[in-house]
Amino acid sequence: MALQRPRYPLPDDIQQRLTDQGLMDKYRERPEYQQNDYIGWITRAKQDSTREKRLNQMIEELRGGTEYMKMKWHPKHK
């Protein structure tokens, strides 16, 4: 039996931030599990400062394109 992760919807404020930063396409290019993990991680933060820090980390990783949750990541080229 496969482990099922909770599915997290993309909050409007995060969507707007990605759009404003020009990173929505880079976000959508990531595998679904990464998109879901990022959103779950960000939205589970108990403090606003932690949420903002996590959101900024995701933005920087999307911008750089070679990290996922502070781990090396290499996208598959189409």
PDB file of N, CA and C in Angstrom:
ATOM      1  N   MET A   1       0.839  -1.175   0.000  1.00  0.00           N
ATOM      2  CA  MET A   1       0.000   0.000   0.000  1.00  0.00           C
ATOM      3  C   MET A   1       0.890   1.246   0.000  1.00  0.00           C
ATOM      4  N   ALA A   2       0.618   2.161  -0.881  1.00  0.00           N
ATOM      5  CA  ALA A   2       1.406   3.389  -0.998  1.00  0.00           C
ATOM      6  C   ALA A   2       0.991   4.392   0.080  1.00  0.00           C
ATOM      7  N   LEU A   3       1.988   5.101   0.584  1.00  0.00           N
ATOM      8  CA  LEU A   3       1.734   6.150   1.565  1.00  0.00           C
ATOM      9  C   LEU A   3       1.075   7.333   0.871  1.00  0.00           C
ATOM     10  N   GLN A   4      -0.012   7.804   1.430  1.00  0.00           N
ATOM     11  CA  GLN A   4      -0.720   8.943   0.860  1.00  0.00           C
ATOM     12  C   GLN A   4      -0.421  10.186   1.692  1.00  0.00           C
ATOM     13  N   ARG A   5       0.073  11.219   1.050  1.00  0.00           N
ATOM     14  CA  ARG A   5       0.322  12.486   1.718  1.00  0.00           C
ATOM     15  C   ARG A   5      -0.922  13.352   1.641  1.00  0.00           C
ATOM     16  N   PRO A   6      -1.136  14.181   2.663  1.00  0.00           N
ATOM     17  CA  PRO A   6      -2.231  15.156   2.547  1.00  0.00           C
ATOM     18  C   PRO A   6      -1.954  16.094   1.375  1.00  0.00           C
ATOM     19  N   ARG A   7      -2.992  16.511   0.686  1.00  0.00           N
ATOM     20  CA  ARG A   7      -2.853  17.445  -0.433  1.00  0.00           C
ATOM     21  C   ARG A   7      -3.144  18.852   0.069  1.00  0.00           C
ATOM     22  N   TYR A   8      -2.227  19.779  -0.205  1.00  0.00           N
ATOM     23  CA  TYR A   8      -2.366  21.148   0.264  1.00  0.00           C
ATOM     24  C   TYR A   8      -2.690  22.076  -0.907  1.00  0.00           C
ATOM     25  N   PRO A   9      -3.782  22.830  -0.808  1.00  0.00           N
ATOM     26  CA  PRO A   9      -4.101  23.789  -1.872  1.00  0.00           C
ATOM     27  C   PRO A   9      -3.151  24.989  -1.804  1.00  0.00           C
ATOM     28  N   LEU A  10      -2.908  25.597  -2.942  1.00  0.00           N
ATOM     29  CA  LEU A  10      -2.038  26.766  -3.031  1.00  0.00           C
ATOM     30  C   LEU A  10      -2.803  27.984  -2.521  1.00  0.00           C
ATOM     31  N   PRO A  11      -2.386  28.554  -1.377  1.00  0.00           N
ATOM     32  CA  PRO A  11      -3.076  29.739  -0.854  1.00  0.00           C
ATOM     33  C   PRO A  11      -2.932  30.940  -1.790  1.00  0.00           C
ATOM     34  N   ASP A  12      -3.948  31.789  -1.795  1.00  0.00           N
ATOM     35  CA  ASP A  12      -3.954  32.955  -2.683  1.00  0.00           C
ATOM     36  C   ASP A  12      -2.736  33.845  -2.487  1.00  0.00           C
ATOM     37  N   ASP A  13      -2.318  34.060  -1.229  1.00  0.00           N
ATOM     38  CA  ASP A  13      -1.188  34.963  -0.996  1.00  0.00           C
ATOM     39  C   ASP A  13       0.121  34.397  -1.539  1.00  0.00           C
ATOM     40  N   ILE A  14       0.292  33.088  -1.454  1.00  0.00           N
ATOM     41  CA  ILE A  14       1.509  32.475  -1.996  1.00  0.00           C
ATOM     42  C   ILE A  14       1.458  32.502  -3.516  1.00  0.00           C
ATOM     43  N   GLN A  15       0.306  32.230  -4.087  1.00  0.00           N
ATOM     44  CA  GLN A  15       0.156  32.308  -5.537  1.00  0.00           C
ATOM     45  C   GLN A  15       0.490  33.719  -6.025  1.00  0.00           C
ATOM     46  N   GLN A  16      -0.011  34.714  -5.325  1.00  0.00           N
ATOM     47  CA  GLN A  16       0.254  36.102  -5.713  1.00  0.00           C
ATOM     48  C   GLN A  16       1.747  36.426  -5.608  1.00  0.00           C
ATOM     49  N   ARG A  17       2.376  35.948  -4.562  1.00  0.00           N
ATOM     50  CA  ARG A  17       3.812  36.198  -4.376  1.00  0.00           C
ATOM     51  C   ARG A  17       4.615  35.554  -5.491  1.00  0.00           C
ATOM     52  N   LEU A  18       4.281  34.323  -5.861  1.00  0.00           N
ATOM     53  CA  LEU A  18       4.973  33.650  -6.959  1.00  0.00           C
ATOM     54  C   LEU A  18       4.766  34.397  -8.266  1.00  0.00           C
ATOM     55  N   THR A  19       3.563  34.860  -8.500  1.00  0.00           N
ATOM     56  CA  THR A  19       3.247  35.612  -9.706  1.00  0.00           C
ATOM     57  C   THR A  19       4.025  36.922  -9.728  1.00  0.00           C
ATOM     58  N   ASP A  20       4.012  37.653  -8.610  1.00  0.00           N
ATOM     59  CA  ASP A  20       4.729  38.926  -8.522  1.00  0.00           C
ATOM     60  C   ASP A  20       6.229  38.753  -8.742  1.00  0.00           C
ATOM     61  N   GLN A  21       6.772  37.630  -8.287  1.00  0.00           N
ATOM     62  CA  GLN A  21       8.209  37.360  -8.428  1.00  0.00           C
ATOM     63  C   GLN A  21       8.552  36.749  -9.795  1.00  0.00           C
ATOM     64  N   GLY A  22       7.530  36.466 -10.613  1.00  0.00           N
ATOM     65  CA  GLY A  22       7.764  35.842 -11.914  1.00  0.00           C
ATOM     66  C   GLY A  22       8.204  34.391 -11.802  1.00  0.00           C
ATOM     67  N   LEU A  23       7.748  33.707 -10.742  1.00  0.00           N
ATOM     68  CA  LEU A  23       8.206  32.347 -10.487  1.00  0.00           C
ATOM     69  C   LEU A  23       7.109  31.288 -10.583  1.00  0.00           C
ATOM     70  N   MET A  24       5.913  31.672 -10.997  1.00  0.00           N
ATOM     71  CA  MET A  24       4.828  30.696 -11.064  1.00  0.00           C
ATOM     72  C   MET A  24       5.167  29.554 -12.027  1.00  0.00           C
ATOM     73  N   ASP A  25       5.759  29.862 -13.177  1.00  0.00           N
ATOM     74  CA  ASP A  25       6.120  28.794 -14.119  1.00  0.00           C
ATOM     75  C   ASP A  25       7.156  27.857 -13.507  1.00  0.00           C
ATOM     76  N   LYS A  26       8.142  28.413 -12.820  1.00  0.00           N
ATOM     77  CA  LYS A  26       9.162  27.569 -12.182  1.00  0.00           C
ATOM     78  C   LYS A  26       8.541  26.692 -11.097  1.00  0.00           C
ATOM     79  N   TYR A  27       7.577  27.250 -10.370  1.00  0.00           N
ATOM     80  CA  TYR A  27       6.867  26.462  -9.357  1.00  0.00           C
ATOM     81  C   TYR A  27       6.103  25.319 -10.029  1.00  0.00           C
ATOM     82  N   ARG A  28       5.376  25.606 -11.090  1.00  0.00           N
ATOM     83  CA  ARG A  28       4.571  24.591 -11.787  1.00  0.00           C
ATOM     84  C   ARG A  28       5.433  23.545 -12.494  1.00  0.00           C
ATOM     85  N   GLU A  29       6.685  23.896 -12.813  1.00  0.00           N
ATOM     86  CA  GLU A  29       7.587  22.933 -13.447  1.00  0.00           C
ATOM     87  C   GLU A  29       8.108  21.896 -12.458  1.00  0.00           C
ATOM     88  N   ARG A  30       8.035  22.203 -11.173  1.00  0.00           N
ATOM     89  CA  ARG A  30       8.489  21.250 -10.163  1.00  0.00           C
ATOM     90  C   ARG A  30       7.518  20.080 -10.093  1.00  0.00           C
ATOM     91  N   PRO A  31       8.024  18.894  -9.695  1.00  0.00           N
ATOM     92  CA  PRO A  31       7.118  17.747  -9.539  1.00  0.00           C
ATOM     93  C   PRO A  31       6.012  18.068  -8.533  1.00  0.00           C
ATOM     94  N   GLU A  32       4.884  17.430  -8.698  1.00  0.00           N
ATOM     95  CA  GLU A  32       3.734  17.686  -7.810  1.00  0.00           C
ATOM     96  C   GLU A  32       4.077  17.464  -6.343  1.00  0.00           C
ATOM     97  N   TYR A  33       4.884  16.443  -6.045  1.00  0.00           N
ATOM     98  CA  TYR A  33       5.220  16.206  -4.638  1.00  0.00           C
ATOM     99  C   TYR A  33       5.992  17.387  -4.058  1.00  0.00           C
ATOM    100  N   GLN A  34       6.851  18.028  -4.861  1.00  0.00           N
ATOM    101  CA  GLN A  34       7.586  19.185  -4.360  1.00  0.00           C
ATOM    102  C   GLN A  34       6.653  20.369  -4.135  1.00  0.00           C
ATOM    103  N   GLN A  35       5.765  20.611  -5.078  1.00  0.00           N
ATOM    104  CA  GLN A  35       4.799  21.694  -4.903  1.00  0.00           C
ATOM    105  C   GLN A  35       4.017  21.477  -3.607  1.00  0.00           C
ATOM    106  N   ASN A  36       3.523  20.262  -3.417  1.00  0.00           N
ATOM    107  CA  ASN A  36       2.720  19.934  -2.247  1.00  0.00           C
ATOM    108  C   ASN A  36       3.542  20.044  -0.954  1.00  0.00           C
ATOM    109  N   ASP A  37       4.771  19.535  -0.986  1.00  0.00           N
ATOM    110  CA  ASP A  37       5.626  19.601   0.198  1.00  0.00           C
ATOM    111  C   ASP A  37       5.913  21.045   0.592  1.00  0.00           C
ATOM    112  N   TYR A  38       6.236  21.873  -0.387  1.00  0.00           N
ATOM    113  CA  TYR A  38       6.506  23.283  -0.092  1.00  0.00           C
ATOM    114  C   TYR A  38       5.293  23.943   0.567  1.00  0.00           C
ATOM    115  N   ILE A  39       4.123  23.761  -0.017  1.00  0.00           N
ATOM    116  CA  ILE A  39       2.929  24.433   0.502  1.00  0.00           C
ATOM    117  C   ILE A  39       2.560  23.907   1.890  1.00  0.00           C
ATOM    118  N   GLY A  40       2.631  22.611   2.085  1.00  0.00           N
ATOM    119  CA  GLY A  40       2.349  22.052   3.403  1.00  0.00           C
ATOM    120  C   GLY A  40       3.319  22.566   4.452  1.00  0.00           C
ATOM    121  N   TRP A  41       4.586  22.611   4.108  1.00  0.00           N
ATOM    122  CA  TRP A  41       5.630  23.079   5.019  1.00  0.00           C
ATOM    123  C   TRP A  41       5.417  24.547   5.392  1.00  0.00           C
ATOM    124  N   ILE A  42       5.106  25.356   4.395  1.00  0.00           N
ATOM    125  CA  ILE A  42       4.895  26.789   4.636  1.00  0.00           C
ATOM    126  C   ILE A  42       3.635  27.023   5.467  1.00  0.00           C
ATOM    127  N   THR A  43       2.551  26.385   5.098  1.00  0.00           N
ATOM    128  CA  THR A  43       1.276  26.668   5.759  1.00  0.00           C
ATOM    129  C   THR A  43       1.164  26.050   7.155  1.00  0.00           C
ATOM    130  N   ARG A  44       2.004  25.085   7.473  1.00  0.00           N
ATOM    131  CA  ARG A  44       1.980  24.503   8.824  1.00  0.00           C
ATOM    132  C   ARG A  44       2.767  25.328   9.839  1.00  0.00           C
ATOM    133  N   ALA A  45       3.443  26.364   9.396  1.00  0.00           N
ATOM    134  CA  ALA A  45       4.198  27.212  10.324  1.00  0.00           C
ATOM    135  C   ALA A  45       3.251  27.815  11.355  1.00  0.00           C
ATOM    136  N   LYS A  46       3.679  27.831  12.596  1.00  0.00           N
ATOM    137  CA  LYS A  46       2.838  28.349  13.671  1.00  0.00           C
ATOM    138  C   LYS A  46       2.964  29.864  13.826  1.00  0.00           C
ATOM    139  N   GLN A  47       4.081  30.416  13.416  1.00  0.00           N
ATOM    140  CA  GLN A  47       4.298  31.859  13.540  1.00  0.00           C
ATOM    141  C   GLN A  47       4.418  32.481  12.157  1.00  0.00           C
ATOM    142  N   ASP A  48       3.940  33.715  12.043  1.00  0.00           N
ATOM    143  CA  ASP A  48       4.030  34.425  10.768  1.00  0.00           C
ATOM    144  C   ASP A  48       5.472  34.565  10.308  1.00  0.00           C
ATOM    145  N   SER A  49       6.392  34.810  11.240  1.00  0.00           N
ATOM    146  CA  SER A  49       7.802  34.979  10.871  1.00  0.00           C
ATOM    147  C   SER A  49       8.377  33.687  10.294  1.00  0.00           C
ATOM    148  N   THR A  50       7.960  32.554  10.844  1.00  0.00           N
ATOM    149  CA  THR A  50       8.414  31.260  10.319  1.00  0.00           C
ATOM    150  C   THR A  50       7.826  31.017   8.937  1.00  0.00           C
ATOM    151  N   ARG A  51       6.566  31.337   8.766  1.00  0.00           N
ATOM    152  CA  ARG A  51       5.912  31.177   7.462  1.00  0.00           C
ATOM    153  C   ARG A  51       6.626  32.012   6.412  1.00  0.00           C
ATOM    154  N   GLU A  52       6.951  33.240   6.753  1.00  0.00           N
ATOM    155  CA  GLU A  52       7.640  34.134   5.819  1.00  0.00           C
ATOM    156  C   GLU A  52       9.036  33.604   5.492  1.00  0.00           C
ATOM    157  N   LYS A  53       9.741  33.120   6.482  1.00  0.00           N
ATOM    158  CA  LYS A  53      11.084  32.561   6.260  1.00  0.00           C
ATOM    159  C   LYS A  53      11.009  31.366   5.310  1.00  0.00           C
ATOM    160  N   ARG A  54      10.047  30.496   5.526  1.00  0.00           N
ATOM    161  CA  ARG A  54       9.891  29.315   4.665  1.00  0.00           C
ATOM    162  C   ARG A  54       9.486  29.712   3.252  1.00  0.00           C
ATOM    163  N   LEU A  55       8.596  30.683   3.136  1.00  0.00           N
ATOM    164  CA  LEU A  55       8.187  31.161   1.815  1.00  0.00           C
ATOM    165  C   LEU A  55       9.384  31.748   1.076  1.00  0.00           C
ATOM    166  N   ASN A  56      10.187  32.526   1.773  1.00  0.00           N
ATOM    167  CA  ASN A  56      11.383  33.095   1.148  1.00  0.00           C
ATOM    168  C   ASN A  56      12.371  32.021   0.713  1.00  0.00           C
ATOM    169  N   GLN A  57      12.492  30.947   1.504  1.00  0.00           N
ATOM    170  CA  GLN A  57      13.372  29.854   1.117  1.00  0.00           C
ATOM    171  C   GLN A  57      12.869  29.197  -0.166  1.00  0.00           C
ATOM    172  N   MET A  58      11.568  28.943  -0.242  1.00  0.00           N
ATOM    173  CA  MET A  58      11.014  28.344  -1.454  1.00  0.00           C
ATOM    174  C   MET A  58      11.286  29.242  -2.657  1.00  0.00           C
ATOM    175  N   ILE A  59      11.065  30.537  -2.508  1.00  0.00           N
ATOM    176  CA  ILE A  59      11.280  31.481  -3.611  1.00  0.00           C
ATOM    177  C   ILE A  59      12.731  31.447  -4.076  1.00  0.00           C
ATOM    178  N   GLU A  60      13.661  31.451  -3.138  1.00  0.00           N
ATOM    179  CA  GLU A  60      15.081  31.414  -3.506  1.00  0.00           C
ATOM    180  C   GLU A  60      15.448  30.096  -4.184  1.00  0.00           C
ATOM    181  N   GLU A  61      14.885  28.998  -3.713  1.00  0.00           N
ATOM    182  CA  GLU A  61      15.164  27.703  -4.339  1.00  0.00           C
ATOM    183  C   GLU A  61      14.570  27.624  -5.730  1.00  0.00           C
ATOM    184  N   LEU A  62      13.395  28.182  -5.922  1.00  0.00           N
ATOM    185  CA  LEU A  62      12.803  28.209  -7.266  1.00  0.00           C
ATOM    186  C   LEU A  62      13.628  29.090  -8.196  1.00  0.00           C
ATOM    187  N   ARG A  63      14.051  30.215  -7.687  1.00  0.00           N
ATOM    188  CA  ARG A  63      14.855  31.145  -8.488  1.00  0.00           C
ATOM    189  C   ARG A  63      16.169  30.491  -8.914  1.00  0.00           C
ATOM    190  N   GLY A  64      16.818  29.793  -7.991  1.00  0.00           N
ATOM    191  CA  GLY A  64      18.091  29.147  -8.293  1.00  0.00           C
ATOM    192  C   GLY A  64      17.940  27.913  -9.167  1.00  0.00           C
ATOM    193  N   GLY A  65      16.865  27.160  -8.938  1.00  0.00           N
ATOM    194  CA  GLY A  65      16.558  26.011  -9.785  1.00  0.00           C
ATOM    195  C   GLY A  65      17.320  24.738  -9.496  1.00  0.00           C
ATOM    196  N   THR A  66      18.192  24.720  -8.478  1.00  0.00           N
ATOM    197  CA  THR A  66      18.992  23.526  -8.236  1.00  0.00           C
ATOM    198  C   THR A  66      18.884  22.999  -6.810  1.00  0.00           C
ATOM    199  N   GLU A  67      17.894  23.508  -6.050  1.00  0.00           N
ATOM    200  CA  GLU A  67      17.699  23.030  -4.689  1.00  0.00           C
ATOM    201  C   GLU A  67      16.223  22.768  -4.423  1.00  0.00           C
ATOM    202  N   TYR A  68      16.008  21.845  -3.508  1.00  0.00           N
ATOM    203  CA  TYR A  68      14.668  21.532  -3.019  1.00  0.00           C
ATOM    204  C   TYR A  68      14.817  21.214  -1.536  1.00  0.00           C
ATOM    205  N   MET A  69      14.240  22.035  -0.696  1.00  0.00           N
ATOM    206  CA  MET A  69      14.324  21.864   0.757  1.00  0.00           C
ATOM    207  C   MET A  69      15.784  21.751   1.220  1.00  0.00           C
ATOM    208  N   LYS A  70      16.616  22.633   0.685  1.00  0.00           N
ATOM    209  CA  LYS A  70      18.051  22.710   1.003  1.00  0.00           C
ATOM    210  C   LYS A  70      18.835  21.470   0.577  1.00  0.00           C
ATOM    211  N   MET A  71      18.273  20.691  -0.331  1.00  0.00           N
ATOM    212  CA  MET A  71      18.980  19.542  -0.889  1.00  0.00           C
ATOM    213  C   MET A  71      19.228  19.816  -2.372  1.00  0.00           C
ATOM    214  N   LYS A  72      20.314  19.281  -2.875  1.00  0.00           N
ATOM    215  CA  LYS A  72      20.589  19.413  -4.309  1.00  0.00           C
ATOM    216  C   LYS A  72      19.465  18.751  -5.089  1.00  0.00           C
ATOM    217  N   TRP A  73      19.066  19.418  -6.176  1.00  0.00           N
ATOM    218  CA  TRP A  73      18.014  18.885  -7.034  1.00  0.00           C
ATOM    219  C   TRP A  73      18.329  19.261  -8.463  1.00  0.00           C
ATOM    220  N   HIS A  74      18.182  18.311  -9.349  1.00  0.00           N
ATOM    221  CA  HIS A  74      18.440  18.538 -10.761  1.00  0.00           C
ATOM    222  C   HIS A  74      17.176  18.215 -11.542  1.00  0.00           C
ATOM    223  N   PRO A  75      16.593  19.216 -12.196  1.00  0.00           N
ATOM    224  CA  PRO A  75      15.376  18.955 -12.962  1.00  0.00           C
ATOM    225  C   PRO A  75      15.666  18.063 -14.156  1.00  0.00           C
ATOM    226  N   LYS A  76      14.674  17.292 -14.523  1.00  0.00           N
ATOM    227  CA  LYS A  76      14.782  16.501 -15.752  1.00  0.00           C
ATOM    228  C   LYS A  76      14.506  17.436 -16.904  1.00  0.00           C
ATOM    229  N   HIS A  77      15.368  17.401 -17.883  1.00  0.00           N
ATOM    230  CA  HIS A  77      15.177  18.268 -19.050  1.00  0.00           C
ATOM    231  C   HIS A  77      14.237  17.609 -20.030  1.00  0.00           C
ATOM    232  N   LYS A  78      13.354  18.419 -20.589  1.00  0.00           N
ATOM    233  CA  LYS A  78      12.358  17.906 -21.536  1.00  0.00           C
ATOM    234  C   LYS A  78      12.918  17.790 -22.912  1.00  0.00           C
TER     235      LYS A  78
END
